[in-house]
Amino acid sequence: ASARAGAASTEAAIESARAAVAATERDIANTRVTAPFDGMLETDTAEIGSLMMAGSLCATIIDLDPIKLVGFVAEVDVDRVETGARVGARLASGREVTGEVTFLSRSADPQTRTFRVEAEIANPDLSIRDGQTAEILIQSAGRKAHLLPQSSLTLDDQGSLGVRVAEATDSGDVARFVPVDMLRDSPEGVWVAGLPEVARVITSGQDYVTDGVAIAVTLEEPG
């Protein structure tokens, strides 16, 4: 009985020693810090020999390829955006890049009522840096629009945005207000929707006429 007790005690000591060795091996392995992905070391806050507390920051690693672009879509446009849609982005430097939508939020930001959208852009040379600003254009179903001078836009008495057009009647041309949706601003002018395919838009003097007022029209070439 004494021999069996001694053997059991020895076996327990061996198991305890094995557990101590395994714990020591884990501690040694933990002295080598690794990241779960390949990337670039952006900041290194830990010094060799310093004591790090569990959960404290020791380094920042960033993965720039592909790089993620983040923007916000107004609720009036969110139904036109789909994951997988092509994306074009213009960086502040003027460089243009392309990618695709990878995420569209199902919940609106409670403050701005906009929806977060994310797109991935290939960045093999790492030339696009984290934190750069970009103008993002997302491809969606086409919509007919007119390019007009921004100065041609006006408001009606209710504050609705639109333009005034020259409408042909039996007694001659009269001014009419037509509400429009502004789709996009550009250096060449504004793209608007809501006009008939052919429209004679009043680009000068539209704020001095009201609906039904007779007008004399002088056409000019766009440009």
Protein backbone atom coordinates (compact mmCIF):
# COMPACT_ATOMS: atom_id res chain seq x y z
CA ALA A 1 0.00 0.00 0.00
CA SER A 2 2.87 2.34 0.82
CA ALA A 3 4.47 1.58 -2.56
CA ARG A 4 1.24 2.38 -4.38
CA ALA A 5 0.85 5.64 -2.49
CA GLY A 6 4.44 6.56 -3.34
CA ALA A 7 3.87 5.74 -7.02
CA ALA A 8 0.71 7.87 -7.08
CA SER A 9 2.55 10.74 -5.43
CA THR A 10 5.37 10.46 -7.95
CA GLU A 11 2.89 10.38 -10.85
CA ALA A 12 1.16 13.49 -9.49
CA ALA A 13 4.52 15.26 -9.19
CA ILE A 14 5.31 14.33 -12.80
CA GLU A 15 1.97 15.70 -14.02
CA SER A 16 2.52 18.88 -12.02
CA ALA A 17 5.98 19.26 -13.58
CA ARG A 18 4.52 18.71 -17.06
CA ALA A 19 1.90 21.40 -16.40
CA ALA A 20 4.60 23.79 -15.19
CA VAL A 21 6.65 23.11 -18.34
CA ALA A 22 3.60 23.74 -20.55
CA ALA A 23 2.85 26.99 -18.71
CA THR A 24 6.47 28.08 -19.08
CA GLU A 25 6.39 27.27 -22.81
CA ARG A 26 3.22 29.37 -23.18
CA ASP A 27 4.87 32.25 -21.34
CA ILE A 28 7.90 31.99 -23.63
CA ALA A 29 5.61 31.93 -26.69
CA ASN A 30 3.79 35.00 -25.38
CA THR A 31 7.02 36.98 -25.45
CA ARG A 32 6.70 36.98 -29.25
CA VAL A 33 3.87 39.32 -30.27
CA THR A 34 2.12 38.44 -33.55
CA ALA A 35 -0.80 39.96 -35.45
CA PRO A 36 -3.69 38.00 -36.99
CA PHE A 37 -3.05 39.61 -40.41
CA ASP A 38 -0.19 40.94 -42.53
CA GLY A 39 0.27 44.67 -42.44
CA MET A 40 2.52 47.61 -41.72
CA LEU A 41 3.73 48.63 -38.27
CA GLU A 42 2.40 52.16 -37.83
CA THR A 43 3.24 52.75 -34.16
CA ASP A 44 5.29 50.78 -31.61
CA THR A 45 4.48 51.81 -28.05
CA ALA A 46 6.14 48.85 -26.30
CA GLU A 47 9.83 48.92 -25.42
CA ILE A 48 12.02 45.84 -24.99
CA GLY A 49 11.95 44.80 -21.36
CA SER A 50 8.92 46.90 -20.44
CA LEU A 51 6.08 45.32 -18.48
CA MET A 52 2.82 45.25 -20.44
CA MET A 53 -0.52 44.89 -18.71
CA ALA A 54 -3.07 42.52 -20.20
CA GLY A 55 -5.19 44.37 -22.78
CA SER A 56 -2.88 47.37 -23.03
CA LEU A 57 -1.85 48.74 -26.45
CA CYS A 58 1.58 47.61 -27.61
CA ALA A 59 1.51 48.46 -31.33
CA THR A 60 -0.71 49.60 -34.21
CA ILE A 61 -0.66 47.61 -37.45
CA ILE A 62 -2.57 48.74 -40.54
CA ASP A 63 -3.55 46.72 -43.60
CA LEU A 64 -3.74 49.01 -46.65
CA ASP A 65 -4.36 46.48 -49.44
CA PRO A 66 -7.20 46.49 -50.15
CA ILE A 67 -8.03 49.80 -48.50
CA LYS A 68 -11.51 50.58 -47.25
CA LEU A 69 -13.34 53.76 -48.25
CA VAL A 70 -16.13 54.88 -45.93
CA GLY A 71 -18.92 57.31 -46.79
CA PHE A 72 -22.53 58.07 -45.94
CA VAL A 73 -25.56 57.96 -48.25
CA ALA A 74 -28.65 60.12 -47.77
CA GLU A 75 -31.87 58.22 -47.10
CA VAL A 76 -33.40 59.49 -50.35
CA ASP A 77 -30.63 57.70 -52.28
CA VAL A 78 -30.02 54.60 -50.16
CA ASP A 79 -32.36 52.37 -52.22
CA ARG A 80 -30.20 53.03 -55.30
CA VAL A 81 -27.07 51.56 -53.67
CA GLU A 82 -26.30 47.84 -53.65
CA THR A 83 -23.39 45.76 -52.41
CA GLY A 84 -21.18 44.77 -55.32
CA ALA A 85 -21.89 48.03 -57.18
CA ARG A 86 -18.93 49.65 -58.91
CA VAL A 87 -17.37 52.62 -57.14
CA GLY A 88 -15.24 55.43 -58.43
CA ALA A 89 -13.38 57.67 -56.02
CA ARG A 90 -11.47 60.90 -56.50
CA LEU A 91 -8.81 61.60 -53.88
CA ALA A 92 -8.05 65.12 -52.69
CA SER A 93 -4.89 64.97 -54.83
CA GLY A 94 -7.04 64.46 -57.95
CA ARG A 95 -6.12 60.81 -58.40
CA GLU A 96 -9.03 58.56 -59.41
CA VAL A 97 -9.43 54.93 -58.29
CA THR A 98 -12.11 52.24 -58.66
CA GLY A 99 -13.51 49.44 -56.52
CA GLU A 100 -16.83 48.03 -55.34
CA VAL A 101 -19.31 48.41 -52.49
CA THR A 102 -18.75 45.78 -49.78
CA PHE A 103 -21.11 47.00 -47.05
CA LEU A 104 -24.29 49.07 -46.74
CA SER A 105 -25.71 49.76 -43.30
CA ARG A 106 -29.26 48.68 -42.49
CA SER A 107 -29.49 51.29 -39.75
CA ALA A 108 -29.34 55.07 -40.17
CA ASP A 109 -27.09 57.31 -38.13
CA PRO A 110 -29.48 58.80 -35.52
CA GLN A 111 -27.94 62.27 -35.87
CA THR A 112 -27.56 62.67 -39.66
CA ARG A 113 -30.16 60.13 -40.91
CA THR A 114 -27.58 58.84 -43.37
CA PHE A 115 -26.45 55.27 -44.02
CA ARG A 116 -22.83 54.09 -43.79
CA VAL A 117 -21.43 52.60 -46.99
CA GLU A 118 -18.04 50.92 -47.38
CA ALA A 119 -16.09 50.13 -50.52
CA GLU A 120 -12.84 48.25 -51.11
CA ILE A 121 -10.15 49.66 -53.41
CA ALA A 122 -7.06 47.75 -54.56
CA ASN A 123 -3.92 49.42 -53.21
CA PRO A 124 -1.00 47.09 -54.05
CA ASP A 125 1.65 49.81 -53.93
CA LEU A 126 0.24 51.21 -50.65
CA SER A 127 0.18 54.69 -52.19
CA ILE A 128 -3.29 55.44 -50.74
CA ARG A 129 -2.82 56.29 -47.08
CA ASP A 130 -5.10 55.68 -44.15
CA GLY A 131 -7.17 58.78 -43.36
CA GLN A 132 -7.10 60.42 -46.81
CA THR A 133 -10.35 62.07 -47.94
CA ALA A 134 -12.09 61.11 -51.17
CA GLU A 135 -15.21 61.94 -53.18
CA ILE A 136 -17.05 58.66 -53.78
CA LEU A 137 -19.30 58.02 -56.79
CA ILE A 138 -21.41 54.83 -56.75
CA GLN A 139 -22.77 53.31 -59.94
CA SER A 140 -26.54 52.78 -59.96
CA ALA A 141 -29.36 52.44 -62.43
CA GLY A 142 -29.25 55.20 -65.03
CA ARG A 143 -31.52 58.22 -64.90
CA LYS A 144 -32.09 60.87 -67.54
CA ALA A 145 -30.87 64.30 -66.54
CA HIS A 146 -30.13 67.75 -67.93
CA LEU A 147 -26.93 69.71 -67.41
CA LEU A 148 -27.82 73.33 -66.58
CA PRO A 149 -26.01 76.41 -65.32
CA GLN A 150 -26.32 76.56 -61.55
CA SER A 151 -27.61 80.13 -61.92
CA SER A 152 -30.73 78.82 -63.70
CA LEU A 153 -32.04 77.22 -60.48
CA THR A 154 -34.70 79.14 -58.57
CA LEU A 155 -37.33 78.64 -55.87
CA ASP A 156 -41.10 78.91 -56.07
CA ASP A 157 -43.25 80.56 -53.41
CA GLN A 158 -43.31 77.33 -51.38
CA GLY A 159 -39.51 77.05 -51.41
CA SER A 160 -39.36 74.16 -53.89
CA LEU A 161 -36.22 73.96 -56.01
CA GLY A 162 -36.77 74.14 -59.76
CA VAL A 163 -36.32 76.09 -62.97
CA ARG A 164 -38.56 78.23 -65.11
CA VAL A 165 -39.15 77.15 -68.67
CA ALA A 166 -40.65 78.80 -71.71
CA GLU A 167 -43.90 76.97 -72.50
CA ALA A 168 -45.49 77.38 -75.92
CA THR A 169 -49.21 78.25 -75.91
CA ASP A 170 -51.68 79.38 -78.58
CA SER A 171 -51.07 82.97 -77.52
CA GLY A 172 -47.26 82.68 -77.42
CA ASP A 173 -44.58 81.70 -74.97
CA VAL A 174 -45.27 81.93 -71.24
CA ALA A 175 -43.15 81.22 -68.18
CA ARG A 176 -43.76 78.06 -66.16
CA PHE A 177 -42.09 76.81 -62.98
CA VAL A 178 -40.98 73.15 -63.07
CA PRO A 179 -39.66 71.47 -59.89
CA VAL A 180 -36.45 69.47 -60.35
CA ASP A 181 -34.24 67.14 -58.36
CA MET A 182 -30.58 68.12 -58.26
CA LEU A 183 -28.59 64.95 -58.85
CA ARG A 184 -25.02 66.19 -58.85
CA ASP A 185 -22.95 69.35 -58.92
CA SER A 186 -20.02 69.54 -61.34
CA PRO A 187 -17.57 72.15 -62.64
CA GLU A 188 -19.67 72.39 -65.83
CA GLY A 189 -22.95 73.00 -64.02
CA VAL A 190 -25.64 71.02 -62.19
CA TRP A 191 -27.29 67.77 -63.31
CA VAL A 192 -31.03 67.87 -62.64
CA ALA A 193 -33.90 65.46 -63.20
CA GLY A 194 -37.61 66.12 -63.60
CA LEU A 195 -37.69 68.05 -66.86
CA PRO A 196 -39.28 66.78 -70.06
CA GLU A 197 -36.82 65.38 -72.60
CA VAL A 198 -36.86 68.70 -74.49
CA ALA A 199 -37.20 71.89 -72.46
CA ARG A 200 -36.47 75.56 -73.07
CA VAL A 201 -35.02 76.56 -69.71
CA ILE A 202 -34.91 80.25 -68.83
CA THR A 203 -31.34 80.97 -67.78
CA SER A 204 -31.56 84.76 -67.54
CA GLY A 205 -34.35 86.74 -65.91
CA GLN A 206 -36.12 83.71 -64.43
CA ASP A 207 -36.46 85.47 -61.06
CA TYR A 208 -38.40 88.36 -62.64
CA VAL A 209 -41.28 86.32 -64.09
CA THR A 210 -44.09 84.24 -62.65
CA ASP A 211 -46.23 81.41 -63.99
CA GLY A 212 -48.31 82.43 -67.00
CA VAL A 213 -46.44 85.65 -67.73
CA ALA A 214 -45.90 86.19 -71.46
CA ILE A 215 -42.23 86.26 -72.42
CA ALA A 216 -40.12 86.88 -75.51
CA VAL A 217 -37.65 84.02 -75.89
CA THR A 218 -34.12 84.38 -77.20
CA LEU A 219 -32.42 81.02 -77.60
CA GLU A 220 -28.73 80.58 -76.92
CA GLU A 221 -26.37 77.69 -77.53
CA PRO A 222 -25.26 75.75 -74.44
CA GLY A 223 -21.66 76.18 -73.36
